[in-house]
């Protein structure tokens, strides 16, 4: 399998350290609590206390992770007020947060398929009820299996 293409094929002539999108994403999203907060946001959780309880982390850790996810643009704060209560903020997915969904669901599928345990949850298509999966497709719409996936430098603008 030849994954790296063109100028990238000679791995001794370049390094992705400090420039890799995976490295940058993991630096900010590589914590268990950040991933679980994103999972909960997809499940519909929006309130601070609910994130802390459902993820099982301290309020300080919840605050730190939510602030990081807001700073990254994956979540945004929206004000709300319960009758008779002071104003508060809830956390809702942004477009970038929705775009991050396949990452979380890919981890979900991998864990379900490859880690021991009883995994009863399944991704499904709400429209028809069939099981759903995360796939890689090219711009032409073709399903791209791992042995046909490549990496090359983008053309300069």
Protein backbone atom coordinates (compact mmCIF):
# COMPACT_ATOMS: atom_id res chain seq x y z
CA UNK A 1 0.00 0.00 0.00
CA UNK A 2 1.40 3.41 -1.01
CA UNK A 3 -0.20 5.99 1.21
CA UNK A 4 2.07 9.04 0.76
CA UNK A 5 2.17 10.47 -2.74
CA UNK A 6 4.29 12.91 -4.73
CA UNK A 7 6.75 14.98 -2.70
CA UNK A 8 5.57 13.21 0.45
CA UNK A 9 6.71 9.78 -0.75
CA UNK A 10 10.30 10.42 0.40
CA UNK A 11 9.66 10.55 4.15
CA UNK A 12 13.29 11.53 4.86
CA UNK A 13 12.81 14.88 3.09
CA UNK A 14 9.95 16.24 5.20
CA UNK A 15 8.44 16.11 8.66
CA UNK A 16 4.90 16.83 9.75
CA UNK A 17 5.88 17.63 13.35
CA UNK A 18 4.18 20.88 14.30
CA UNK A 19 2.19 21.00 11.04
CA UNK A 20 0.04 17.87 11.21
CA UNK A 21 -3.72 18.38 11.51
CA UNK A 22 -3.95 15.23 13.66
CA UNK A 23 -1.26 16.53 16.01
CA UNK A 24 -3.01 19.90 16.35
CA UNK A 25 -6.43 18.34 16.89
CA UNK A 26 -5.12 15.93 19.52
CA UNK A 27 -3.42 18.78 21.38
CA UNK A 28 -6.82 20.30 22.08
CA UNK A 29 -9.27 17.39 21.78
CA UNK A 30 -7.10 14.52 22.93
CA UNK A 31 -8.50 14.34 26.43
CA UNK A 32 -11.08 11.77 27.39
CA UNK A 33 -13.29 14.45 28.95
CA UNK A 34 -13.31 16.63 25.80
CA UNK A 35 -14.38 13.69 23.65
CA UNK A 36 -17.07 12.67 26.12
CA UNK A 37 -18.39 16.23 26.34
CA UNK A 38 -18.67 16.24 22.54
CA UNK A 39 -20.46 12.88 22.70
CA UNK A 40 -22.90 14.33 25.21
CA UNK A 41 -23.45 17.42 23.06
CA UNK A 42 -24.48 15.10 20.20
CA UNK A 43 -26.84 13.31 22.59
CA UNK A 44 -28.49 16.68 23.29
CA UNK A 45 -26.85 17.72 26.55
CA UNK A 46 -26.57 21.52 26.80
CA UNK A 47 -26.41 22.40 30.50
CA UNK A 48 -23.18 22.66 32.52
CA UNK A 49 -24.33 20.49 35.42
CA UNK A 50 -25.61 17.83 33.03
CA UNK A 51 -22.24 17.67 31.24
CA UNK A 52 -20.42 17.27 34.56
CA UNK A 53 -22.79 14.56 35.77
CA UNK A 54 -23.04 12.61 32.50
CA UNK A 55 -19.28 12.69 31.83
CA UNK A 56 -18.41 12.03 35.48
CA UNK A 57 -15.88 14.82 35.95
CA UNK A 58 -15.49 17.66 38.44
CA UNK A 59 -17.07 21.04 37.87
CA UNK A 60 -13.58 22.54 37.47
CA UNK A 61 -12.70 20.03 34.74
CA UNK A 62 -16.10 20.56 33.08
CA UNK A 63 -15.55 24.31 33.07
CA UNK A 64 -12.04 23.96 31.60
CA UNK A 65 -13.15 21.54 28.85
CA UNK A 66 -16.24 23.56 27.91
CA UNK A 67 -14.15 26.75 27.71
CA UNK A 68 -11.63 24.98 25.44
CA UNK A 69 -14.38 23.63 23.20
CA UNK A 70 -15.97 27.08 22.97
CA UNK A 71 -12.58 28.66 22.19
CA UNK A 72 -12.08 26.07 19.42
CA UNK A 73 -15.47 26.92 17.96
CA UNK A 74 -16.99 23.45 18.48
CA UNK A 75 -19.53 24.69 21.01
CA UNK A 76 -21.07 28.09 21.60
CA UNK A 77 -22.62 29.61 24.68
CA UNK A 78 -26.25 30.70 24.56
CA UNK A 79 -27.97 32.52 27.38
CA UNK A 80 -31.10 31.05 28.94
CA UNK A 81 -33.17 31.74 32.03
CA UNK A 82 -35.47 29.40 33.90
CA UNK A 83 -38.51 31.15 35.41
CA UNK A 84 -37.54 32.62 38.79
CA UNK A 85 -33.83 31.83 38.29
CA UNK A 86 -30.81 33.93 37.35
CA UNK A 87 -29.59 33.94 33.76
CA UNK A 88 -27.24 31.12 32.78
CA UNK A 89 -25.53 29.81 29.67
CA UNK A 90 -26.03 26.57 27.82
CA UNK A 91 -23.63 24.99 25.35
CA UNK A 92 -24.75 24.09 21.83
CA UNK A 93 -22.97 22.61 18.85
CA UNK A 94 -21.66 24.94 16.17
CA UNK A 95 -21.21 23.99 12.52
CA UNK A 96 -17.61 22.98 13.35
CA UNK A 97 -18.95 20.86 16.21
CA UNK A 98 -21.36 19.08 13.90
CA UNK A 99 -18.49 18.57 11.42
CA UNK A 100 -16.57 16.86 14.25
CA UNK A 101 -19.29 14.21 14.69
CA UNK A 102 -17.74 11.60 12.36
CA UNK A 103 -14.58 11.60 14.51
CA UNK A 104 -16.55 10.77 17.65
CA UNK A 105 -18.70 8.18 15.86
CA UNK A 106 -15.63 6.57 14.28
CA UNK A 107 -14.17 6.10 17.77
CA UNK A 108 -17.53 4.71 18.89
CA UNK A 109 -17.62 2.19 16.03
CA UNK A 110 -13.99 1.14 16.49
CA UNK A 111 -14.51 0.59 20.23
CA UNK A 112 -17.71 -1.35 19.65
CA UNK A 113 -16.05 -3.57 17.04
CA UNK A 114 -12.62 -4.11 18.60
CA UNK A 115 -12.78 -3.74 22.38
CA UNK A 116 -14.07 -6.40 24.73
CA UNK A 117 -17.39 -5.94 26.42
CA UNK A 118 -21.06 -5.96 25.71
CA UNK A 119 -21.82 -3.17 23.27
CA UNK A 120 -25.54 -2.79 22.79
CA UNK A 121 -25.64 0.74 21.34
CA UNK A 122 -25.71 1.06 17.55
CA UNK A 123 -25.62 4.02 15.19
CA UNK A 124 -28.83 4.08 13.17
CA UNK A 125 -30.42 6.06 10.38
CA UNK A 126 -33.46 7.72 12.01
CA UNK A 127 -35.18 7.92 8.62
CA UNK A 128 -35.39 4.16 8.01
CA UNK A 129 -34.07 2.50 11.17
CA UNK A 130 -31.15 0.71 9.49
CA UNK A 131 -27.72 0.58 11.15
CA UNK A 132 -25.40 3.39 10.04
CA UNK A 133 -21.61 3.53 9.75
CA UNK A 134 -18.90 6.11 9.22
CA UNK A 135 -17.26 5.95 5.78
CA UNK A 136 -14.65 7.77 3.74
CA UNK A 137 -15.81 8.84 0.29
CA UNK A 138 -13.96 10.78 -2.39
CA UNK A 139 -15.29 13.98 -3.96
CA UNK A 140 -16.76 11.84 -6.77
CA UNK A 141 -18.80 9.87 -4.21
CA UNK A 142 -16.84 6.61 -4.35
CA UNK A 143 -16.41 4.61 -1.16
CA UNK A 144 -12.65 4.64 -0.40
CA UNK A 145 -11.34 1.54 1.42
CA UNK A 146 -8.21 1.94 3.58
CA UNK A 147 -5.93 0.34 0.97
CA UNK A 148 -7.00 2.97 -1.60
CA UNK A 149 -6.61 6.03 0.61
CA UNK A 150 -3.68 8.32 -0.16
CA UNK A 151 -2.19 11.60 1.02
CA UNK A 152 -0.65 14.32 -1.14
CA UNK A 153 0.13 18.01 -0.88
CA UNK A 154 -2.65 20.35 -1.92
CA UNK A 155 -1.99 22.53 -4.94
CA UNK A 156 -0.89 26.06 -4.14
CA UNK A 157 -3.63 28.70 -4.51
